C-alpha atoms as a PDB file:
ATOM      1  CA  MET A   1      81.694 116.404 157.034  1.00  0.00           C
ATOM      2  CA  SER A   2      80.662 118.326 160.140  1.00  0.00           C
ATOM      3  CA  ARG A   3      77.637 120.605 159.960  1.00  0.00           C
ATOM      4  CA  LYS A   4      79.823 123.695 160.448  1.00  0.00           C
ATOM      5  CA  THR A   5      82.197 122.641 157.639  1.00  0.00           C
ATOM      6  CA  GLN A   6      79.232 121.863 155.400  1.00  0.00           C
ATOM      7  CA  ILE A   7      77.716 125.318 155.924  1.00  0.00           C
ATOM      8  CA  LEU A   8      81.078 127.039 155.445  1.00  0.00           C
ATOM      9  CA  THR A   9      81.679 125.091 152.222  1.00  0.00           C
ATOM     10  CA  GLY A  10      78.200 126.045 151.031  1.00  0.00           C
ATOM     11  CA  TRP A  11      78.830 129.741 151.676  1.00  0.00           C
ATOM     12  CA  ILE A  12      82.240 129.627 149.961  1.00  0.00           C
ATOM     13  CA  LEU A  13      80.669 127.958 146.928  1.00  0.00           C
ATOM     14  CA  THR A  14      77.813 130.468 147.024  1.00  0.00           C
ATOM     15  CA  GLY A  15      80.328 133.321 147.050  1.00  0.00           C
ATOM     16  CA  LEU A  16      82.269 131.881 144.120  1.00  0.00           C
ATOM     17  CA  VAL A  17      79.163 131.285 142.001  1.00  0.00           C
ATOM     18  CA  GLY A  18      77.743 134.690 142.951  1.00  0.00           C
ATOM     19  CA  THR A  19      81.015 136.418 142.079  1.00  0.00           C
ATOM     20  CA  PHE A  20      81.145 134.677 138.719  1.00  0.00           C
ATOM     21  CA  LEU A  21      77.528 135.548 137.889  1.00  0.00           C
ATOM     22  CA  LEU A  22      77.899 139.188 138.915  1.00  0.00           C
ATOM     23  CA  VAL A  23      81.466 140.058 137.906  1.00  0.00           C
ATOM     24  CA  GLY A  24      82.094 137.579 135.123  1.00  0.00           C
ATOM     25  CA  SER A  25      78.710 137.547 133.458  1.00  0.00           C
ATOM     26  CA  ALA A  26      76.295 140.343 134.462  1.00  0.00           C
ATOM     27  CA  ILE A  27      78.565 143.394 134.662  1.00  0.00           C
ATOM     28  CA  PRO A  28      80.137 142.819 131.219  1.00  0.00           C
ATOM     29  CA  LYS A  29      76.641 143.160 129.748  1.00  0.00           C
ATOM     30  CA  PHE A  30      76.794 146.861 130.716  1.00  0.00           C
ATOM     31  CA  ILE A  31      80.328 147.663 129.523  1.00  0.00           C
ATOM     32  CA  ASP A  32      82.041 147.569 126.174  1.00  0.00           C
ATOM     33  CA  PHE A  33      84.778 144.986 125.740  1.00  0.00           C
ATOM     34  CA  PRO A  34      86.773 143.779 122.733  1.00  0.00           C
ATOM     35  CA  ASN A  35      84.753 141.555 120.390  1.00  0.00           C
ATOM     36  CA  LYS A  36      81.478 142.216 122.259  1.00  0.00           C
ATOM     37  CA  SER A  37      79.573 142.885 119.026  1.00  0.00           C
ATOM     38  CA  GLU A  38      80.982 139.784 117.332  1.00  0.00           C
ATOM     39  CA  THR A  39      80.256 137.572 120.347  1.00  0.00           C
ATOM     40  CA  MET A  40      76.660 138.765 120.652  1.00  0.00           C
ATOM     41  CA  SER A  41      76.193 138.506 116.910  1.00  0.00           C
ATOM     42  CA  LYS A  42      77.367 134.874 117.034  1.00  0.00           C
ATOM     43  CA  LEU A  43      74.923 134.190 119.893  1.00  0.00           C
ATOM     44  CA  GLU A  44      72.215 136.065 117.945  1.00  0.00           C
ATOM     45  CA  ILE A  45      71.584 138.401 120.896  1.00  0.00           C
ATOM     46  CA  PRO A  46      70.867 142.046 120.003  1.00  0.00           C
ATOM     47  CA  LEU A  47      73.114 144.474 121.897  1.00  0.00           C
ATOM     48  CA  ALA A  48      70.063 146.547 122.825  1.00  0.00           C
ATOM     49  CA  ILE A  49      68.679 143.848 125.141  1.00  0.00           C
ATOM     50  CA  LEU A  50      71.928 143.164 127.027  1.00  0.00           C
ATOM     51  CA  PRO A  51      71.193 145.688 129.808  1.00  0.00           C
ATOM     52  CA  THR A  52      67.826 144.029 130.454  1.00  0.00           C
ATOM     53  CA  VAL A  53      69.445 140.587 130.533  1.00  0.00           C
ATOM     54  CA  GLY A  54      72.110 141.960 132.880  1.00  0.00           C
ATOM     55  CA  VAL A  55      69.500 143.378 135.273  1.00  0.00           C
ATOM     56  CA  ILE A  56      67.678 140.030 135.325  1.00  0.00           C
ATOM     57  CA  GLU A  57      70.925 138.189 136.034  1.00  0.00           C
ATOM     58  CA  ILE A  58      71.855 140.595 138.843  1.00  0.00           C
ATOM     59  CA  ALA A  59      68.367 140.291 140.365  1.00  0.00           C
ATOM     60  CA  VAL A  60      68.317 136.478 140.455  1.00  0.00           C
ATOM     61  CA  THR A  61      71.893 136.360 141.766  1.00  0.00           C
ATOM     62  CA  VAL A  62      71.155 138.813 144.575  1.00  0.00           C
ATOM     63  CA  LEU A  63      68.054 136.802 145.499  1.00  0.00           C
ATOM     64  CA  PHE A  64      70.258 133.684 145.635  1.00  0.00           C
ATOM     65  CA  LEU A  65      72.837 135.417 147.835  1.00  0.00           C
ATOM     66  CA  ILE A  66      70.301 136.618 150.437  1.00  0.00           C
ATOM     67  CA  PRO A  67      69.645 133.758 152.896  1.00  0.00           C
ATOM     68  CA  ARG A  68      65.908 134.451 153.236  1.00  0.00           C
ATOM     69  CA  THR A  69      65.342 134.431 149.444  1.00  0.00           C
ATOM     70  CA  SER A  70      68.034 131.939 148.412  1.00  0.00           C
ATOM     71  CA  PHE A  71      65.596 129.176 147.445  1.00  0.00           C
ATOM     72  CA  LEU A  72      63.611 131.511 145.175  1.00  0.00           C
ATOM     73  CA  GLY A  73      66.882 132.866 143.769  1.00  0.00           C
ATOM     74  CA  ALA A  74      68.096 129.332 142.989  1.00  0.00           C
ATOM     75  CA  ILE A  75      64.856 128.542 141.165  1.00  0.00           C
ATOM     76  CA  LEU A  76      64.989 131.770 139.145  1.00  0.00           C
ATOM     77  CA  ALA A  77      68.712 131.360 138.412  1.00  0.00           C
ATOM     78  CA  THR A  78      67.996 127.851 137.139  1.00  0.00           C
ATOM     79  CA  GLY A  79      65.437 129.280 134.726  1.00  0.00           C
ATOM     80  CA  TYR A  80      67.845 131.996 133.643  1.00  0.00           C
ATOM     81  CA  LEU A  81      70.588 129.429 133.036  1.00  0.00           C
ATOM     82  CA  GLY A  82      68.109 127.304 131.085  1.00  0.00           C
ATOM     83  CA  GLY A  83      67.807 130.231 128.693  1.00  0.00           C
ATOM     84  CA  ALA A  84      71.599 130.334 128.430  1.00  0.00           C
ATOM     85  CA  VAL A  85      71.651 126.616 127.592  1.00  0.00           C
ATOM     86  CA  TRP A  86      69.041 127.190 124.876  1.00  0.00           C
ATOM     87  CA  THR A  87      71.014 130.138 123.468  1.00  0.00           C
ATOM     88  CA  HIS A  88      74.128 127.983 123.104  1.00  0.00           C
ATOM     89  CA  LEU A  89      72.285 124.895 121.815  1.00  0.00           C
ATOM     90  CA  ARG A  90      70.512 126.984 119.178  1.00  0.00           C
ATOM     91  CA  ILE A  91      73.804 127.947 117.520  1.00  0.00           C
ATOM     92  CA  GLY A  92      75.621 124.658 118.084  1.00  0.00           C
ATOM     93  CA  ASP A  93      77.920 126.102 120.747  1.00  0.00           C
ATOM     94  CA  ALA A  94      79.128 124.352 123.925  1.00  0.00           C
ATOM     95  CA  TRP A  95      76.100 124.255 126.258  1.00  0.00           C
ATOM     96  CA  PHE A  96      77.368 122.474 129.362  1.00  0.00           C
ATOM     97  CA  PHE A  97      78.859 125.439 131.267  1.00  0.00           C
ATOM     98  CA  PRO A  98      75.478 126.961 132.287  1.00  0.00           C
ATOM     99  CA  VAL A  99      74.411 123.464 133.404  1.00  0.00           C
ATOM    100  CA  ILE A 100      77.509 123.205 135.611  1.00  0.00           C
ATOM    101  CA  VAL A 101      76.807 126.641 137.117  1.00  0.00           C
ATOM    102  CA  GLY A 102      73.218 125.574 137.830  1.00  0.00           C
ATOM    103  CA  ILE A 103      74.387 122.398 139.546  1.00  0.00           C
ATOM    104  CA  LEU A 104      76.847 124.423 141.628  1.00  0.00           C
ATOM    105  CA  ILE A 105      74.031 126.760 142.696  1.00  0.00           C
ATOM    106  CA  TRP A 106      71.944 123.846 143.992  1.00  0.00           C
ATOM    107  CA  VAL A 107      74.911 122.116 145.639  1.00  0.00           C
ATOM    108  CA  ALA A 108      75.834 125.366 147.394  1.00  0.00           C
ATOM    109  CA  LEU A 109      72.255 125.846 148.569  1.00  0.00           C
ATOM    110  CA  GLY A 110      72.017 122.217 149.690  1.00  0.00           C
ATOM    111  CA  LEU A 111      75.192 122.551 151.715  1.00  0.00           C
ATOM    112  CA  ARG A 112      73.873 125.712 153.354  1.00  0.00           C
ATOM    113  CA  ARG A 113      70.414 124.217 153.915  1.00  0.00           C
ATOM    114  CA  PRO A 114      70.567 120.420 154.240  1.00  0.00           C
ATOM    115  CA  ALA A 115      66.765 120.185 154.016  1.00  0.00           C
ATOM    116  CA  ILE A 116      67.208 120.802 150.268  1.00  0.00           C
ATOM    117  CA  PHE A 117      69.200 117.569 149.918  1.00  0.00           C
ATOM    118  CA  ARG A 118      66.793 115.660 152.169  1.00  0.00           C
ATOM    119  CA  LEU A 119      63.840 116.710 150.029  1.00  0.00           C
ATOM    120  CA  ALA A 120      65.651 116.111 146.740  1.00  0.00           C
ATOM    121  CA  PHE A 121      66.894 112.650 147.632  1.00  0.00           C
ATOM    122  CA  SER A 122      64.091 111.363 149.845  1.00  0.00           C
ATOM    123  CA  SER A 123      62.000 108.385 148.814  1.00  0.00           C
ATOM    124  CA  GLY A 124      58.780 110.163 149.684  1.00  0.00           C
ATOM    125  CA  ASP A 125      59.083 109.404 153.391  1.00  0.00           C
ATOM    126  CA  ALA A 126      59.447 113.123 154.100  1.00  0.00           C
ATOM    127  CA  CYS A 127      55.756 113.679 153.296  1.00  0.00           C
ATOM    128  CA  PRO A 128      53.199 113.535 156.093  1.00  0.00           C
ATOM    129  CA  PRO A 129      50.971 110.412 155.926  1.00  0.00           C
ATOM    130  CA  SER A 130      48.005 112.429 154.620  1.00  0.00           C
ATOM    131  CA  GLU A 131      50.019 113.519 151.545  1.00  0.00           C
ATOM    132  CA  LYS A 132      51.272 110.061 150.507  1.00  0.00           C
ATOM    133  CA  SER A 133      49.564 108.452 147.543  1.00  0.00           C
END
C-alpha cells in the first residue's frame, strides 16, 4: 500500500469511528429515545450520569480526531472503551464490540502515523543503545 493510500485509509477509518462515537454513541446520551430507560436499567447505568458520560465520550473522540492530540485521544478512548467492556461483562452482555472499536481506533491511528505501528511491532531495536537493557 502506498504511503498516500495508507494515510487516506487511516483518515477514512478515523472519520467512520469518530462518526460512530459521536453520532451513534455520545449524542444519544443527551436525547430521549424509545427504551432508553430500560436499556440503561439493564446496563445498571443511572440516567442522571449519562450527560457526564456523553461529555467524556465527546471529549476523547474530539482529541482523537485532532491530529496534534490524536495519540492522547486514542489512549483516553481506549480507557473509555475499557469501561464499556466492563459494563457489558458485569451484566453478562456481549462485550466484544467496544474491543473492536478500540482496535479500529489504533489501526486508524497507525495508518495515519506509521511510527505507531513501528513502535508497537518493533523488537526493541527502535530504542537508542543507552535505553536497551
